[in-house]
Amino acid sequence: MTRALRMLAVVPFIACAAACATGSAERPKIGALAPAFSLETTAGKKAQLSDYAGKTLVLAFFPKAFTGGCTQEMKGYQATQPKFVEGDAQILGVSVDDLETQKKFAESLGLQFPLMSDPEGTAAKAYGVYGMMGLKLAARTTFVIDGTGHVVQIIEGKDAIDPASALEACPLHKKGT
């Protein structure tokens, strides 16, 4: 077997090993049904995808509470929250932080929308965003999910800090503009 052929045989194994190490599923694509979740929130109850049937959901994964980019992102969502409400959209922030940390973070920013605690990374794994840089954190990724449970937009990395793209993707917001 030539060296090139051996390398071709090893590459899929390495890719599989990397995916298996994080336990993350493949990230849903635009148009796909969003994975179900059920997580505790800072509002004192569990939130599930099915709770938002008929409504647009903005699911904003962020790496860690009380960090610069995450604070900026959540402040941005808070500042534009009235526009999301006008468009019949619900914002949910989610990270692997425990519920007590999420409550303190939400309180410190005066957030008027819930944060979800995903300490085991269950939702982050289902959405394919767990294991950022090999760490047990969610990658900064926002999923806009329509009222039928389909992903209509995915915003990643630094682009996800500014909520403008998520707002523009909200179906009722589009009709109003």
Protein backbone atom coordinates (compact mmCIF):
# COMPACT_ATOMS: atom_id res chain seq x y z
CA MET A 1 0.00 0.00 0.00
CA THR A 2 1.48 3.34 -0.95
CA ARG A 3 1.87 6.08 1.60
CA ALA A 4 -0.82 8.22 -0.12
CA LEU A 5 -3.33 5.37 0.09
CA ARG A 6 -2.52 4.79 3.76
CA MET A 7 -3.12 8.47 4.47
CA LEU A 8 -6.50 8.33 2.73
CA ALA A 9 -7.46 5.41 4.93
CA VAL A 10 -6.41 7.28 8.11
CA VAL A 11 -8.13 10.64 7.40
CA PRO A 12 -11.72 9.38 7.92
CA PHE A 13 -10.64 7.68 11.13
CA ILE A 14 -9.14 10.93 12.47
CA ALA A 15 -12.29 12.90 11.53
CA CYS A 16 -14.48 10.32 13.27
CA ALA A 17 -12.26 10.30 16.35
CA ALA A 18 -12.46 14.11 16.60
CA ALA A 19 -16.26 14.08 16.34
CA CYS A 20 -16.58 11.22 18.81
CA ALA A 21 -14.26 12.93 21.30
CA THR A 22 -16.57 15.95 21.62
CA GLY A 23 -19.75 13.88 21.42
CA SER A 24 -21.31 16.54 19.21
CA ALA A 25 -23.80 15.72 16.54
CA GLU A 26 -23.55 17.36 13.17
CA ARG A 27 -24.73 20.96 13.18
CA PRO A 28 -28.26 21.22 11.75
CA LYS A 29 -28.42 22.87 8.35
CA ILE A 30 -30.72 25.69 7.27
CA GLY A 31 -34.10 24.16 6.47
CA ALA A 32 -33.60 21.19 8.82
CA LEU A 33 -35.72 20.52 11.88
CA ALA A 34 -34.05 21.90 14.99
CA PRO A 35 -33.02 19.32 17.60
CA ALA A 36 -35.28 19.12 20.66
CA PHE A 37 -33.96 20.31 24.00
CA SER A 38 -35.18 20.56 27.58
CA LEU A 39 -33.12 22.74 29.92
CA GLU A 40 -33.55 24.70 33.14
CA THR A 41 -33.81 28.46 32.72
CA THR A 42 -33.18 31.55 34.80
CA ALA A 43 -36.98 32.07 34.66
CA GLY A 44 -37.35 29.15 37.09
CA LYS A 45 -38.74 26.55 34.72
CA LYS A 46 -37.60 24.15 32.03
CA ALA A 47 -37.71 25.32 28.44
CA GLN A 48 -38.27 22.95 25.53
CA LEU A 49 -38.23 23.55 21.81
CA SER A 50 -41.90 22.50 21.67
CA ASP A 51 -42.80 25.39 24.03
CA TYR A 52 -42.15 27.78 21.14
CA ALA A 53 -44.28 26.14 18.44
CA GLY A 54 -45.79 28.86 16.28
CA LYS A 55 -43.21 31.41 17.43
CA THR A 56 -39.74 32.29 16.22
CA LEU A 57 -36.98 31.19 18.58
CA VAL A 58 -33.53 32.75 18.69
CA LEU A 59 -31.27 30.20 20.36
CA ALA A 60 -28.00 31.96 21.14
CA PHE A 61 -25.23 29.62 22.33
CA PHE A 62 -22.34 31.42 24.02
CA PRO A 63 -19.13 30.02 25.53
CA LYS A 64 -19.01 31.38 29.09
CA ALA A 65 -20.89 33.83 31.30
CA PHE A 66 -19.08 36.95 32.51
CA THR A 67 -16.58 37.00 29.62
CA GLY A 68 -16.11 39.95 27.29
CA GLY A 69 -17.68 38.68 24.07
CA CYS A 70 -20.54 36.90 25.85
CA THR A 71 -21.35 39.97 27.92
CA GLN A 72 -21.35 42.12 24.76
CA GLU A 73 -23.56 39.59 22.94
CA MET A 74 -26.17 39.32 25.71
CA LYS A 75 -26.20 43.12 26.19
CA GLY A 76 -26.87 43.44 22.47
CA TYR A 77 -29.80 41.05 22.68
CA GLN A 78 -31.17 42.94 25.70
CA ALA A 79 -30.92 46.28 23.85
CA THR A 80 -32.80 44.91 20.83
CA GLN A 81 -35.20 42.65 22.75
CA PRO A 82 -38.24 44.91 22.12
CA LYS A 83 -37.74 44.47 18.36
CA PHE A 84 -37.64 40.69 18.77
CA VAL A 85 -40.83 40.81 20.85
CA GLU A 86 -42.52 42.94 18.15
CA GLY A 87 -41.60 40.21 15.65
CA ASP A 88 -43.07 37.53 17.94
CA ALA A 89 -39.62 36.06 18.60
CA GLN A 90 -38.27 34.64 21.85
CA ILE A 91 -34.58 34.92 22.71
CA LEU A 92 -32.96 32.15 24.75
CA GLY A 93 -29.29 32.39 25.65
CA VAL A 94 -27.55 29.11 26.45
CA SER A 95 -24.15 28.08 27.77
CA VAL A 96 -22.65 25.24 29.76
CA ASP A 97 -22.56 27.40 32.89
CA ASP A 98 -24.53 26.10 35.87
CA LEU A 99 -27.93 27.62 36.62
CA GLU A 100 -26.71 29.72 39.55
CA THR A 101 -24.01 31.32 37.37
CA GLN A 102 -26.57 31.96 34.62
CA LYS A 103 -28.90 33.65 37.13
CA LYS A 104 -26.10 35.92 38.38
CA PHE A 105 -25.05 36.73 34.81
CA ALA A 106 -28.62 37.55 33.74
CA GLU A 107 -29.15 39.68 36.84
CA SER A 108 -25.88 41.57 36.35
CA LEU A 109 -26.96 42.52 32.82
CA GLY A 110 -30.64 43.13 33.62
CA LEU A 111 -31.70 40.60 30.99
CA GLN A 112 -35.42 40.44 30.25
CA PHE A 113 -35.13 37.08 28.48
CA PRO A 114 -34.15 33.71 29.95
CA LEU A 115 -30.77 32.05 29.90
CA MET A 116 -30.62 28.26 29.85
CA SER A 117 -28.12 26.16 31.75
CA ASP A 118 -26.62 23.27 29.76
CA PRO A 119 -23.96 21.99 32.20
CA GLU A 120 -23.62 18.60 30.50
CA GLY A 121 -23.56 20.18 27.04
CA THR A 122 -26.61 18.15 25.99
CA ALA A 123 -28.19 20.85 23.82
CA ALA A 124 -24.81 22.12 22.61
CA LYS A 125 -23.94 18.60 21.47
CA ALA A 126 -27.33 18.16 19.75
CA TYR A 127 -26.74 21.41 17.84
CA GLY A 128 -23.17 20.45 16.95
CA VAL A 129 -21.57 23.38 18.79
CA TYR A 130 -20.00 21.60 21.78
CA GLY A 131 -16.28 21.22 22.26
CA MET A 132 -15.08 24.62 21.04
CA MET A 133 -11.31 24.39 20.55
CA GLY A 134 -11.33 21.07 22.39
CA LEU A 135 -12.81 22.66 25.52
CA LYS A 136 -16.06 21.74 27.23
CA LEU A 137 -17.74 24.92 26.00
CA ALA A 138 -20.30 25.81 23.38
CA ALA A 139 -19.07 27.68 20.32
CA ARG A 140 -20.70 31.08 19.86
CA THR A 141 -23.49 30.18 17.45
CA THR A 142 -27.02 31.52 17.05
CA PHE A 143 -29.81 29.48 15.50
CA VAL A 144 -32.97 31.23 14.36
CA ILE A 145 -35.79 28.68 14.38
CA ASP A 146 -39.17 29.39 12.82
CA GLY A 147 -42.55 28.54 14.30
CA THR A 148 -42.56 25.12 12.62
CA GLY A 149 -39.25 24.16 14.28
CA HIS A 150 -37.05 24.60 11.19
CA VAL A 151 -33.68 26.35 11.26
CA VAL A 152 -33.90 29.49 9.10
CA GLN A 153 -30.54 31.07 9.93
CA ILE A 154 -27.24 30.17 11.58
CA ILE A 155 -24.85 32.89 12.70
CA GLU A 156 -21.41 31.87 13.95
CA GLY A 157 -18.37 33.23 15.73
CA LYS A 158 -17.82 36.98 15.95
CA ASP A 159 -20.81 37.58 13.68
CA ALA A 160 -23.06 36.11 16.38
CA ILE A 161 -22.09 38.84 18.88
CA ASP A 162 -24.25 41.39 17.05
CA PRO A 163 -27.96 40.40 17.16
CA ALA A 164 -28.79 42.30 13.94
CA SER A 165 -28.45 39.22 11.70
CA ALA A 166 -30.68 37.16 13.99
CA LEU A 167 -33.30 39.92 14.00
CA GLU A 168 -33.24 40.18 10.21
CA ALA A 169 -33.76 36.42 9.95
CA CYS A 170 -36.94 36.45 12.05
CA PRO A 171 -39.83 35.73 9.65
CA LEU A 172 -42.30 38.22 11.13
CA HIS A 173 -39.63 40.91 11.27
CA LYS A 174 -39.07 40.41 7.53
CA LYS A 175 -42.79 40.91 6.82
CA GLY A 176 -42.82 44.13 8.81
CA THR A 177 -39.93 45.75 6.93
